[in-house]
Amino acid sequence: MSGQHTLPDLPYSYDALEPYISQQIMTLHHKKHHQTYVTALNAAEVSYAKTATPKERIALQAALRFNGGGHINHSLFWKNLAPAASEGKGKGGELKPGPLKDAIDSNFGSLDSLKKEFNAATAAIQGSGWGWLGLNPSTKRLEIATTPNQDPLLTHIPIIGVDIWEHAFYLQYLNVKVDYLNAIWSVINFEEAEKRFTEGLSGSKL
């Protein structure tokens, strides 16, 4: 049924990712920005269901793509994060031995090399968008990709996604994207990423 999307709960408190992502950013990002995408997506779907002509449907495509992508991307983003192990709060930032680590070492040489390549590609996005570590479904290799605006990653199975819209970092890191990108690795939930990776290899839908 259209227009029934809801804002997912965070799997941690708003202050759980400090000092890497502030409570203020997390609260605004989740309660305001993500909620806006959900509300607008529901409205667009309801309107689409009532359309009578192709012209009316075409007119709603942009809203469906933007807000639908925003909802999909953010729902994945929250799961991609976890309180930092370096702060004694959780498992964020810890890449343990396993299939994902083996693939990262094989495809990039090391986690540090992945971080450098990922950060460079994501920081180079003009305007707003997302940086992705994705699994190529054809080659089964991990690859770095970017998407503009709120476009979801369609060419790969998303393993890790990082929001590079200013609302994700500006209140804490101002205009220094690189500082935000360096910091976020300390709260990346590699356990969730590995789950997505192994499911992707097995052909499960994500």
N, C-alpha and C. Protein backbone atom coordinates (compact mmCIF):
# COMPACT_ATOMS: atom_id res chain seq x y z
N MET A 1 0.85 -1.20 0.00
CA MET A 1 0.00 0.00 0.00
C MET A 1 0.88 1.25 0.00
N SER A 2 0.56 2.21 -0.85
CA SER A 2 1.41 3.39 -0.98
C SER A 2 1.23 4.34 0.20
N GLY A 3 2.27 5.14 0.42
CA GLY A 3 2.20 6.17 1.43
C GLY A 3 2.27 5.69 2.86
N GLN A 4 2.89 4.52 3.09
CA GLN A 4 2.93 3.94 4.43
C GLN A 4 4.34 3.85 5.02
N HIS A 5 5.28 4.56 4.44
CA HIS A 5 6.65 4.50 4.95
C HIS A 5 6.75 5.24 6.29
N THR A 6 7.60 4.73 7.17
CA THR A 6 7.79 5.35 8.48
C THR A 6 9.28 5.55 8.75
N LEU A 7 9.58 6.46 9.66
CA LEU A 7 10.96 6.74 10.05
C LEU A 7 11.47 5.58 10.92
N PRO A 8 12.55 4.92 10.53
CA PRO A 8 13.06 3.82 11.36
C PRO A 8 13.72 4.35 12.62
N ASP A 9 13.62 3.58 13.69
CA ASP A 9 14.32 3.94 14.92
C ASP A 9 15.82 3.76 14.73
N LEU A 10 16.60 4.58 15.42
CA LEU A 10 18.04 4.38 15.42
C LEU A 10 18.39 3.20 16.33
N PRO A 11 19.40 2.42 15.98
CA PRO A 11 19.80 1.31 16.85
C PRO A 11 20.73 1.73 17.99
N TYR A 12 20.78 3.02 18.27
CA TYR A 12 21.63 3.57 19.32
C TYR A 12 21.07 4.95 19.67
N SER A 13 21.55 5.56 20.74
CA SER A 13 21.07 6.87 21.15
C SER A 13 21.69 7.97 20.29
N TYR A 14 21.12 9.16 20.32
CA TYR A 14 21.60 10.25 19.48
C TYR A 14 23.02 10.69 19.84
N ASP A 15 23.42 10.46 21.08
CA ASP A 15 24.78 10.88 21.49
C ASP A 15 25.79 9.74 21.43
N ALA A 16 25.36 8.58 20.93
CA ALA A 16 26.21 7.38 21.00
C ALA A 16 27.43 7.43 20.08
N LEU A 17 27.38 8.27 19.05
CA LEU A 17 28.48 8.31 18.08
C LEU A 17 29.49 9.41 18.38
N GLU A 18 29.27 10.14 19.47
CA GLU A 18 30.24 11.17 19.86
C GLU A 18 31.55 10.50 20.27
N PRO A 19 32.70 11.16 20.06
CA PRO A 19 32.87 12.53 19.58
C PRO A 19 32.93 12.64 18.05
N TYR A 20 32.72 11.56 17.35
CA TYR A 20 32.91 11.56 15.90
C TYR A 20 31.74 12.19 15.14
N ILE A 21 30.52 11.95 15.62
CA ILE A 21 29.34 12.62 15.08
C ILE A 21 28.53 13.11 16.28
N SER A 22 28.28 14.39 16.32
CA SER A 22 27.68 14.99 17.51
C SER A 22 26.21 14.62 17.68
N GLN A 23 25.75 14.74 18.90
CA GLN A 23 24.35 14.49 19.21
C GLN A 23 23.45 15.45 18.44
N GLN A 24 23.86 16.69 18.31
CA GLN A 24 23.07 17.68 17.58
C GLN A 24 22.87 17.28 16.13
N ILE A 25 23.95 16.87 15.49
CA ILE A 25 23.86 16.44 14.09
C ILE A 25 22.96 15.23 13.96
N MET A 26 23.16 14.23 14.81
CA MET A 26 22.37 13.00 14.71
C MET A 26 20.88 13.27 14.93
N THR A 27 20.57 14.13 15.87
CA THR A 27 19.16 14.43 16.15
C THR A 27 18.51 15.13 14.97
N LEU A 28 19.15 16.15 14.45
CA LEU A 28 18.60 16.88 13.31
C LEU A 28 18.56 16.00 12.06
N HIS A 29 19.60 15.24 11.84
CA HIS A 29 19.70 14.41 10.65
C HIS A 29 18.58 13.37 10.61
N HIS A 30 18.35 12.74 11.75
CA HIS A 30 17.34 11.68 11.82
C HIS A 30 15.93 12.25 11.93
N LYS A 31 15.69 13.07 12.94
CA LYS A 31 14.34 13.55 13.23
C LYS A 31 13.81 14.55 12.20
N LYS A 32 14.69 15.33 11.63
CA LYS A 32 14.25 16.38 10.70
C LYS A 32 14.47 15.99 9.24
N HIS A 33 15.73 15.74 8.88
CA HIS A 33 16.03 15.49 7.46
C HIS A 33 15.42 14.17 6.97
N HIS A 34 15.71 13.08 7.67
CA HIS A 34 15.17 11.80 7.21
C HIS A 34 13.64 11.81 7.29
N GLN A 35 13.09 12.38 8.35
CA GLN A 35 11.64 12.45 8.45
C GLN A 35 11.03 13.22 7.29
N THR A 36 11.70 14.26 6.83
CA THR A 36 11.21 15.03 5.69
C THR A 36 11.13 14.17 4.44
N TYR A 37 12.15 13.33 4.22
CA TYR A 37 12.13 12.43 3.05
C TYR A 37 10.97 11.45 3.15
N VAL A 38 10.74 10.92 4.34
CA VAL A 38 9.65 9.96 4.54
C VAL A 38 8.30 10.61 4.27
N THR A 39 8.10 11.78 4.84
CA THR A 39 6.83 12.49 4.67
C THR A 39 6.58 12.83 3.20
N ALA A 40 7.62 13.34 2.54
CA ALA A 40 7.47 13.72 1.13
C ALA A 40 7.29 12.50 0.23
N LEU A 41 7.95 11.40 0.55
CA LEU A 41 7.78 10.17 -0.23
C LEU A 41 6.35 9.66 -0.12
N ASN A 42 5.82 9.64 1.09
CA ASN A 42 4.44 9.19 1.29
C ASN A 42 3.46 10.06 0.51
N ALA A 43 3.68 11.37 0.56
CA ALA A 43 2.79 12.29 -0.16
C ALA A 43 2.87 12.06 -1.67
N ALA A 44 4.09 11.84 -2.17
CA ALA A 44 4.26 11.62 -3.61
C ALA A 44 3.61 10.31 -4.05
N GLU A 45 3.72 9.29 -3.22
CA GLU A 45 3.10 8.00 -3.56
C GLU A 45 1.58 8.09 -3.57
N VAL A 46 1.03 8.80 -2.60
CA VAL A 46 -0.42 8.98 -2.56
C VAL A 46 -0.89 9.76 -3.79
N SER A 47 -0.15 10.80 -4.14
CA SER A 47 -0.51 11.59 -5.32
C SER A 47 -0.40 10.75 -6.59
N TYR A 48 0.66 9.92 -6.65
CA TYR A 48 0.87 9.08 -7.83
C TYR A 48 -0.29 8.10 -8.02
N ALA A 49 -0.77 7.56 -6.91
CA ALA A 49 -1.87 6.60 -6.98
C ALA A 49 -3.15 7.23 -7.50
N LYS A 50 -3.24 8.53 -7.36
CA LYS A 50 -4.45 9.24 -7.79
C LYS A 50 -4.34 9.82 -9.20
N THR A 51 -3.15 9.71 -9.79
CA THR A 51 -2.97 10.32 -11.11
C THR A 51 -3.80 9.61 -12.17
N ALA A 52 -4.20 10.40 -13.16
CA ALA A 52 -5.05 9.85 -14.22
C ALA A 52 -4.37 9.86 -15.58
N THR A 53 -3.27 10.59 -15.69
CA THR A 53 -2.62 10.73 -17.00
C THR A 53 -1.12 10.47 -16.90
N PRO A 54 -0.49 10.06 -18.01
CA PRO A 54 0.98 9.89 -18.02
C PRO A 54 1.71 11.17 -17.65
N LYS A 55 1.20 12.30 -18.08
CA LYS A 55 1.84 13.58 -17.77
C LYS A 55 1.91 13.81 -16.26
N GLU A 56 0.83 13.48 -15.57
CA GLU A 56 0.81 13.65 -14.12
C GLU A 56 1.80 12.71 -13.45
N ARG A 57 1.92 11.50 -13.96
CA ARG A 57 2.86 10.53 -13.38
C ARG A 57 4.30 10.97 -13.61
N ILE A 58 4.56 11.47 -14.79
CA ILE A 58 5.92 11.94 -15.10
C ILE A 58 6.29 13.11 -14.18
N ALA A 59 5.33 13.97 -13.89
CA ALA A 59 5.59 15.13 -13.05
C ALA A 59 5.99 14.74 -11.62
N LEU A 60 5.60 13.55 -11.20
CA LEU A 60 5.90 13.10 -9.84
C LEU A 60 7.19 12.27 -9.76
N GLN A 61 7.80 11.95 -10.89
CA GLN A 61 8.96 11.08 -10.89
C GLN A 61 10.13 11.65 -10.09
N ALA A 62 10.37 12.94 -10.22
CA ALA A 62 11.49 13.57 -9.52
C ALA A 62 11.32 13.47 -8.01
N ALA A 63 10.10 13.72 -7.53
CA ALA A 63 9.85 13.66 -6.09
C ALA A 63 9.98 12.24 -5.57
N LEU A 64 9.51 11.27 -6.34
CA LEU A 64 9.63 9.87 -5.93
C LEU A 64 11.10 9.44 -5.89
N ARG A 65 11.86 9.86 -6.89
CA ARG A 65 13.27 9.47 -6.95
C ARG A 65 14.06 10.12 -5.81
N PHE A 66 13.86 11.41 -5.60
CA PHE A 66 14.64 12.13 -4.60
C PHE A 66 14.29 11.65 -3.18
N ASN A 67 13.02 11.64 -2.87
CA ASN A 67 12.61 11.29 -1.50
C ASN A 67 12.69 9.79 -1.24
N GLY A 68 12.40 9.00 -2.28
CA GLY A 68 12.57 7.56 -2.12
C GLY A 68 14.02 7.19 -1.91
N GLY A 69 14.89 7.83 -2.68
CA GLY A 69 16.32 7.59 -2.50
C GLY A 69 16.80 8.06 -1.14
N GLY A 70 16.30 9.21 -0.69
CA GLY A 70 16.68 9.71 0.62
C GLY A 70 16.29 8.74 1.73
N HIS A 71 15.10 8.16 1.62
CA HIS A 71 14.64 7.20 2.62
C HIS A 71 15.46 5.91 2.58
N ILE A 72 15.70 5.39 1.39
CA ILE A 72 16.48 4.15 1.24
C ILE A 72 17.91 4.36 1.76
N ASN A 73 18.54 5.44 1.33
CA ASN A 73 19.94 5.68 1.70
C ASN A 73 20.11 5.88 3.19
N HIS A 74 19.24 6.69 3.79
CA HIS A 74 19.38 6.95 5.22
C HIS A 74 19.06 5.73 6.07
N SER A 75 18.11 4.93 5.63
CA SER A 75 17.78 3.71 6.38
C SER A 75 18.99 2.78 6.44
N LEU A 76 19.76 2.73 5.36
CA LEU A 76 20.99 1.95 5.35
C LEU A 76 22.08 2.64 6.17
N PHE A 77 22.16 3.96 6.05
CA PHE A 77 23.21 4.74 6.71
C PHE A 77 23.21 4.53 8.22
N TRP A 78 22.03 4.57 8.84
CA TRP A 78 21.96 4.42 10.30
C TRP A 78 22.50 3.05 10.72
N LYS A 79 22.18 2.02 9.95
CA LYS A 79 22.67 0.67 10.28
C LYS A 79 24.17 0.55 10.03
N ASN A 80 24.69 1.39 9.15
CA ASN A 80 26.12 1.38 8.82
C ASN A 80 26.99 1.94 9.95
N LEU A 81 26.37 2.54 10.95
CA LEU A 81 27.11 3.20 12.01
C LEU A 81 26.90 2.48 13.34
N ALA A 82 27.89 2.61 14.23
CA ALA A 82 27.82 2.01 15.56
C ALA A 82 28.74 2.78 16.49
N PRO A 83 28.41 2.83 17.78
CA PRO A 83 29.28 3.51 18.74
C PRO A 83 30.71 2.99 18.65
N ALA A 84 31.65 3.90 18.85
CA ALA A 84 33.07 3.61 18.57
C ALA A 84 33.70 2.67 19.58
N ALA A 85 34.37 1.67 19.08
CA ALA A 85 35.15 0.78 19.93
C ALA A 85 36.31 1.54 20.58
N SER A 86 36.84 2.53 19.87
CA SER A 86 37.97 3.31 20.39
C SER A 86 37.60 4.12 21.62
N GLU A 87 36.30 4.36 21.80
CA GLU A 87 35.82 5.10 22.96
C GLU A 87 35.26 4.16 24.03
N GLY A 88 35.38 2.86 23.79
CA GLY A 88 34.85 1.88 24.74
C GLY A 88 33.33 1.83 24.76
N LYS A 89 32.70 2.26 23.66
CA LYS A 89 31.24 2.35 23.62
C LYS A 89 30.57 1.21 22.86
N GLY A 90 31.31 0.61 21.94
CA GLY A 90 30.67 -0.40 21.10
C GLY A 90 31.66 -1.01 20.13
N LYS A 91 31.14 -1.36 18.93
CA LYS A 91 31.95 -2.09 17.95
C LYS A 91 32.32 -1.26 16.74
N GLY A 92 31.95 0.02 16.71
CA GLY A 92 32.23 0.86 15.57
C GLY A 92 33.71 0.99 15.29
N GLY A 93 34.07 0.90 14.00
CA GLY A 93 35.46 1.08 13.60
C GLY A 93 36.29 -0.18 13.64
N GLU A 94 35.75 -1.28 14.14
CA GLU A 94 36.50 -2.53 14.26
C GLU A 94 36.22 -3.44 13.06
N LEU A 95 37.25 -3.70 12.28
CA LEU A 95 37.15 -4.67 11.19
C LEU A 95 37.87 -5.93 11.63
N LYS A 96 37.10 -6.93 11.97
CA LYS A 96 37.67 -8.17 12.48
C LYS A 96 37.99 -9.13 11.33
N PRO A 97 38.89 -10.10 11.57
CA PRO A 97 39.18 -11.10 10.53
C PRO A 97 37.91 -11.79 10.06
N GLY A 98 37.80 -11.95 8.76
CA GLY A 98 36.60 -12.56 8.21
C GLY A 98 36.50 -12.28 6.73
N PRO A 99 35.38 -12.66 6.11
CA PRO A 99 35.23 -12.50 4.66
C PRO A 99 35.37 -11.06 4.17
N LEU A 100 34.83 -10.10 4.91
CA LEU A 100 34.91 -8.71 4.46
C LEU A 100 36.35 -8.21 4.50
N LYS A 101 37.04 -8.48 5.59
CA LYS A 101 38.44 -8.06 5.68
C LYS A 101 39.27 -8.71 4.57
N ASP A 102 39.03 -9.98 4.32
CA ASP A 102 39.77 -10.67 3.25
C ASP A 102 39.52 -9.99 1.90
N ALA A 103 38.26 -9.62 1.65
CA ALA A 103 37.92 -8.98 0.37
C ALA A 103 38.53 -7.59 0.27
N ILE A 104 38.51 -6.84 1.36
CA ILE A 104 39.12 -5.51 1.35
C ILE A 104 40.62 -5.61 1.10
N ASP A 105 41.29 -6.55 1.77
CA ASP A 105 42.72 -6.73 1.57
C ASP A 105 43.02 -7.14 0.13
N SER A 106 42.16 -8.00 -0.43
CA SER A 106 42.37 -8.49 -1.79
C SER A 106 42.12 -7.40 -2.83
N ASN A 107 41.05 -6.60 -2.62
CA ASN A 107 40.66 -5.61 -3.62
C ASN A 107 41.38 -4.28 -3.48
N PHE A 108 41.81 -3.94 -2.25
CA PHE A 108 42.42 -2.61 -2.03
C PHE A 108 43.80 -2.67 -1.41
N GLY A 109 44.22 -3.82 -0.94
CA GLY A 109 45.53 -3.94 -0.31
C GLY A 109 45.47 -3.91 1.19
N SER A 110 44.63 -3.02 1.74
CA SER A 110 44.47 -2.90 3.19
C SER A 110 43.28 -1.99 3.47
N LEU A 111 42.84 -1.98 4.72
CA LEU A 111 41.77 -1.08 5.11
C LEU A 111 42.20 0.37 4.97
N ASP A 112 43.44 0.66 5.32
CA ASP A 112 43.93 2.04 5.18
C ASP A 112 43.89 2.51 3.73
N SER A 113 44.25 1.62 2.82
CA SER A 113 44.20 1.98 1.40
C SER A 113 42.77 2.22 0.94
N LEU A 114 41.84 1.38 1.41
CA LEU A 114 40.43 1.59 1.10
C LEU A 114 39.96 2.95 1.60
N LYS A 115 40.30 3.27 2.83
CA LYS A 115 39.88 4.56 3.40
C LYS A 115 40.38 5.72 2.55
N LYS A 116 41.63 5.68 2.15
CA LYS A 116 42.21 6.77 1.35
C LYS A 116 41.49 6.91 0.01
N GLU A 117 41.25 5.79 -0.67
CA GLU A 117 40.58 5.84 -1.96
C GLU A 117 39.13 6.28 -1.81
N PHE A 118 38.47 5.74 -0.82
CA PHE A 118 37.06 6.08 -0.58
C PHE A 118 36.92 7.56 -0.25
N ASN A 119 37.75 8.05 0.67
CA ASN A 119 37.67 9.45 1.09
C ASN A 119 37.95 10.40 -0.07
N ALA A 120 38.92 10.05 -0.90
CA ALA A 120 39.25 10.91 -2.04
C ALA A 120 38.09 10.98 -3.03
N ALA A 121 37.50 9.83 -3.33
CA ALA A 121 36.39 9.80 -4.28
C ALA A 121 35.16 10.54 -3.74
N THR A 122 34.88 10.34 -2.44
CA THR A 122 33.69 10.94 -1.84
C THR A 122 33.87 12.45 -1.65
N ALA A 123 35.07 12.87 -1.25
CA ALA A 123 35.33 14.30 -1.08
C ALA A 123 35.26 15.05 -2.40
N ALA A 124 35.48 14.35 -3.50
CA ALA A 124 35.48 14.99 -4.83
C ALA A 124 34.08 15.20 -5.39
N ILE A 125 33.05 14.70 -4.71
CA ILE A 125 31.68 14.90 -5.18
C ILE A 125 31.38 16.39 -5.23
N GLN A 126 30.88 16.85 -6.36
CA GLN A 126 30.51 18.25 -6.51
C GLN A 126 29.09 18.44 -5.94
N GLY A 127 29.00 19.25 -4.90
CA GLY A 127 27.69 19.44 -4.28
C GLY A 127 27.39 18.32 -3.31
N SER A 128 26.16 17.81 -3.34
CA SER A 128 25.72 16.81 -2.38
C SER A 128 25.66 15.43 -3.03
N GLY A 129 25.79 14.40 -2.20
CA GLY A 129 25.72 13.05 -2.72
C GLY A 129 26.14 12.03 -1.68
N TRP A 130 26.48 10.85 -2.17
CA TRP A 130 26.84 9.73 -1.30
C TRP A 130 28.09 9.02 -1.83
N GLY A 131 28.92 8.57 -0.89
CA GLY A 131 30.03 7.71 -1.23
C GLY A 131 29.69 6.29 -0.83
N TRP A 132 30.09 5.33 -1.68
CA TRP A 132 29.69 3.94 -1.46
C TRP A 132 30.86 2.98 -1.60
N LEU A 133 30.84 1.95 -0.76
CA LEU A 133 31.60 0.74 -1.01
C LEU A 133 30.56 -0.29 -1.42
N GLY A 134 30.66 -0.76 -2.66
CA GLY A 134 29.65 -1.66 -3.18
C GLY A 134 30.25 -2.96 -3.70
N LEU A 135 29.42 -3.98 -3.71
CA LEU A 135 29.81 -5.27 -4.26
C LEU A 135 29.31 -5.36 -5.69
N ASN A 136 30.25 -5.50 -6.63
CA ASN A 136 29.88 -5.65 -8.03
C ASN A 136 29.25 -7.03 -8.21
N PRO A 137 27.97 -7.10 -8.58
CA PRO A 137 27.29 -8.40 -8.64
C PRO A 137 27.83 -9.31 -9.74
N SER A 138 28.51 -8.74 -10.72
CA SER A 138 29.05 -9.55 -11.81
C SER A 138 30.42 -10.13 -11.48
N THR A 139 31.30 -9.29 -10.94
CA THR A 139 32.67 -9.73 -10.66
C THR A 139 32.89 -10.19 -9.23
N LYS A 140 31.92 -9.88 -8.34
CA LYS A 140 32.02 -10.20 -6.90
C LYS A 140 33.19 -9.47 -6.25
N ARG A 141 33.57 -8.34 -6.81
CA ARG A 141 34.63 -7.52 -6.24
C ARG A 141 34.04 -6.30 -5.55
N LEU A 142 34.73 -5.83 -4.52
CA LEU A 142 34.35 -4.59 -3.87
C LEU A 142 34.86 -3.42 -4.68
N GLU A 143 34.01 -2.43 -4.88
CA GLU A 143 34.38 -1.25 -5.66
C GLU A 143 33.83 0.00 -5.00
N ILE A 144 34.51 1.12 -5.20
CA ILE A 144 34.08 2.41 -4.69
C ILE A 144 33.24 3.10 -5.76
N ALA A 145 32.14 3.70 -5.33
CA ALA A 145 31.26 4.41 -6.26
C ALA A 145 30.70 5.64 -5.56
N THR A 146 30.20 6.57 -6.35
CA THR A 146 29.52 7.74 -5.79
C THR A 146 28.20 7.93 -6.53
N THR A 147 27.24 8.55 -5.85
CA THR A 147 25.98 8.91 -6.48
C THR A 147 25.64 10.35 -6.11
N PRO A 148 25.02 11.11 -7.03
CA PRO A 148 24.66 12.49 -6.73
C PRO A 148 23.36 12.58 -5.95
N ASN A 149 23.19 13.69 -5.27
CA ASN A 149 21.93 14.00 -4.57
C ASN A 149 21.52 12.86 -3.64
N GLN A 150 20.30 12.34 -3.79
CA GLN A 150 19.87 11.22 -2.96
C GLN A 150 19.71 9.94 -3.78
N ASP A 151 20.37 9.89 -4.93
CA ASP A 151 20.25 8.69 -5.75
C ASP A 151 20.82 7.48 -5.01
N PRO A 152 20.08 6.39 -4.96
CA PRO A 152 20.62 5.18 -4.34
C PRO A 152 21.61 4.50 -5.27
N LEU A 153 22.39 3.58 -4.72
CA LEU A 153 23.36 2.84 -5.51
C LEU A 153 22.62 1.68 -6.18
N LEU A 154 22.52 1.73 -7.50
CA LEU A 154 21.77 0.73 -8.25
C LEU A 154 22.66 -0.25 -9.00
N THR A 155 23.89 0.15 -9.28
CA THR A 155 24.79 -0.69 -10.08
C THR A 155 25.50 -1.75 -9.24
N HIS A 156 25.55 -1.57 -7.94
CA HIS A 156 26.24 -2.47 -7.03
C HIS A 156 25.32 -2.79 -5.84
N ILE A 157 25.70 -3.82 -5.09
CA ILE A 157 25.05 -4.10 -3.81
C ILE A 157 25.73 -3.21 -2.77
N PRO A 158 24.99 -2.30 -2.12
CA PRO A 158 25.63 -1.39 -1.17
C PRO A 158 26.12 -2.11 0.09
N ILE A 159 27.38 -1.91 0.41
CA ILE A 159 27.97 -2.51 1.61
C ILE A 159 28.15 -1.44 2.69
N ILE A 160 28.71 -0.29 2.30
CA ILE A 160 28.85 0.86 3.19
C ILE A 160 28.46 2.11 2.41
N GLY A 161 27.63 2.95 3.00
CA GLY A 161 27.26 4.22 2.38
C GLY A 161 27.53 5.37 3.32
N VAL A 162 28.09 6.45 2.81
CA VAL A 162 28.40 7.63 3.62
C VAL A 162 27.74 8.86 3.01
N ASP A 163 26.95 9.52 3.81
CA ASP A 163 26.23 10.73 3.41
C ASP A 163 27.21 11.90 3.39
N ILE A 164 27.32 12.58 2.24
CA ILE A 164 28.22 13.73 2.14
C ILE A 164 27.45 15.03 1.94
N TRP A 165 26.13 14.98 2.20
CA TRP A 165 25.37 16.22 2.25
C TRP A 165 25.86 17.06 3.44
N GLU A 166 25.80 18.36 3.32
CA GLU A 166 26.32 19.21 4.40
C GLU A 166 25.58 18.99 5.72
N HIS A 167 24.31 18.60 5.66
CA HIS A 167 23.59 18.41 6.92
C HIS A 167 24.17 17.24 7.73
N ALA A 168 24.98 16.40 7.09
CA ALA A 168 25.58 15.26 7.79
C ALA A 168 26.81 15.64 8.60
N PHE A 169 27.39 16.82 8.33
CA PHE A 169 28.66 17.13 8.98
C PHE A 169 28.90 18.61 9.29
N TYR A 170 28.17 19.53 8.68
CA TYR A 170 28.58 20.94 8.72
C TYR A 170 28.58 21.53 10.13
N LEU A 171 27.62 21.17 10.96
CA LEU A 171 27.53 21.74 12.30
C LEU A 171 28.73 21.36 13.17
N GLN A 172 29.44 20.33 12.78
CA GLN A 172 30.60 19.89 13.56
C GLN A 172 31.92 20.12 12.83
N TYR A 173 31.94 19.87 11.54
CA TYR A 173 33.19 19.92 10.77
C TYR A 173 33.26 21.10 9.80
N LEU A 174 32.23 21.95 9.83
CA LEU A 174 32.15 23.10 8.95
C LEU A 174 32.32 22.64 7.50
N ASN A 175 33.20 23.28 6.75
CA ASN A 175 33.32 22.93 5.33
C ASN A 175 34.46 21.94 5.05
N VAL A 176 34.99 21.33 6.11
CA VAL A 176 36.14 20.44 5.94
C VAL A 176 35.64 18.99 5.81
N LYS A 177 35.27 18.63 4.60
CA LYS A 177 34.73 17.28 4.35
C LYS A 177 35.70 16.19 4.76
N VAL A 178 36.99 16.44 4.52
CA VAL A 178 37.99 15.40 4.78
C VAL A 178 38.03 15.03 6.26
N ASP A 179 37.88 16.01 7.15
CA ASP A 179 37.88 15.71 8.58
C ASP A 179 36.69 14.82 8.94
N TYR A 180 35.54 15.12 8.37
CA TYR A 180 34.35 14.29 8.59
C TYR A 180 34.57 12.88 8.07
N LEU A 181 35.11 12.77 6.87
CA LEU A 181 35.33 11.46 6.27
C LEU A 181 36.36 10.65 7.06
N ASN A 182 37.40 11.30 7.54
CA ASN A 182 38.38 10.59 8.36
C ASN A 182 37.75 10.10 9.66
N ALA A 183 36.88 10.93 10.25
CA ALA A 183 36.28 10.61 11.54
C ALA A 183 35.26 9.48 11.45
N ILE A 184 34.50 9.44 10.37
CA ILE A 184 33.38 8.52 10.32
C ILE A 184 33.82 7.05 10.32
N TRP A 185 35.05 6.78 9.90
CA TRP A 185 35.51 5.40 9.92
C TRP A 185 35.57 4.84 11.33
N SER A 186 35.67 5.70 12.32
CA SER A 186 35.71 5.24 13.72
C SER A 186 34.35 4.76 14.20
N VAL A 187 33.29 5.07 13.44
CA VAL A 187 31.96 4.61 13.84
C VAL A 187 31.29 3.78 12.73
N ILE A 188 32.07 3.30 11.79
CA ILE A 188 31.51 2.40 10.77
C ILE A 188 31.25 1.03 11.40
N ASN A 189 30.06 0.52 11.16
CA ASN A 189 29.67 -0.78 11.70
C ASN A 189 30.10 -1.87 10.70
N PHE A 190 31.32 -2.34 10.87
CA PHE A 190 31.85 -3.34 9.94
C PHE A 190 31.13 -4.68 10.09
N GLU A 191 30.56 -4.92 11.26
CA GLU A 191 29.80 -6.16 11.45
C GLU A 191 28.57 -6.17 10.53
N GLU A 192 27.87 -5.04 10.47
CA GLU A 192 26.73 -4.91 9.56
C GLU A 192 27.19 -4.96 8.10
N ALA A 193 28.32 -4.32 7.82
CA ALA A 193 28.85 -4.33 6.46
C ALA A 193 29.19 -5.76 6.02
N GLU A 194 29.78 -6.53 6.91
CA GLU A 194 30.12 -7.91 6.56
C GLU A 194 28.85 -8.74 6.33
N LYS A 195 27.83 -8.49 7.11
CA LYS A 195 26.55 -9.19 6.90
C LYS A 195 26.01 -8.91 5.50
N ARG A 196 26.04 -7.65 5.11
CA ARG A 196 25.56 -7.27 3.78
C ARG A 196 26.45 -7.89 2.70
N PHE A 197 27.74 -7.93 2.96
CA PHE A 197 28.68 -8.49 2.00
C PHE A 197 28.42 -9.98 1.78
N THR A 198 28.30 -10.74 2.86
CA THR A 198 28.09 -12.19 2.73
C THR A 198 26.72 -12.49 2.12
N GLU A 199 25.71 -11.69 2.46
CA GLU A 199 24.40 -11.87 1.84
C GLU A 199 24.45 -11.54 0.35
N GLY A 200 25.23 -10.53 0.01
CA GLY A 200 25.38 -10.16 -1.39
C GLY A 200 26.07 -11.25 -2.20
N LEU A 201 27.08 -11.86 -1.60
CA LEU A 201 27.77 -12.96 -2.28
C LEU A 201 26.86 -14.15 -2.51
N SER A 202 25.95 -14.37 -1.58
CA SER A 202 25.05 -15.52 -1.68
C SER A 202 23.86 -15.27 -2.58
N GLY A 203 23.74 -13.99 -3.03
CA GLY A 203 22.64 -13.66 -3.94
C GLY A 203 21.38 -13.22 -3.24
N SER A 204 21.45 -13.00 -1.90
CA SER A 204 20.27 -12.53 -1.17
C SER A 204 19.94 -11.11 -1.58
N LYS A 205 18.66 -10.78 -1.61
CA LYS A 205 18.24 -9.42 -1.93
C LYS A 205 18.44 -8.53 -0.72
N LEU A 206 19.04 -7.35 -0.95
CA LEU A 206 19.31 -6.40 0.14
C LEU A 206 18.50 -5.13 -0.05
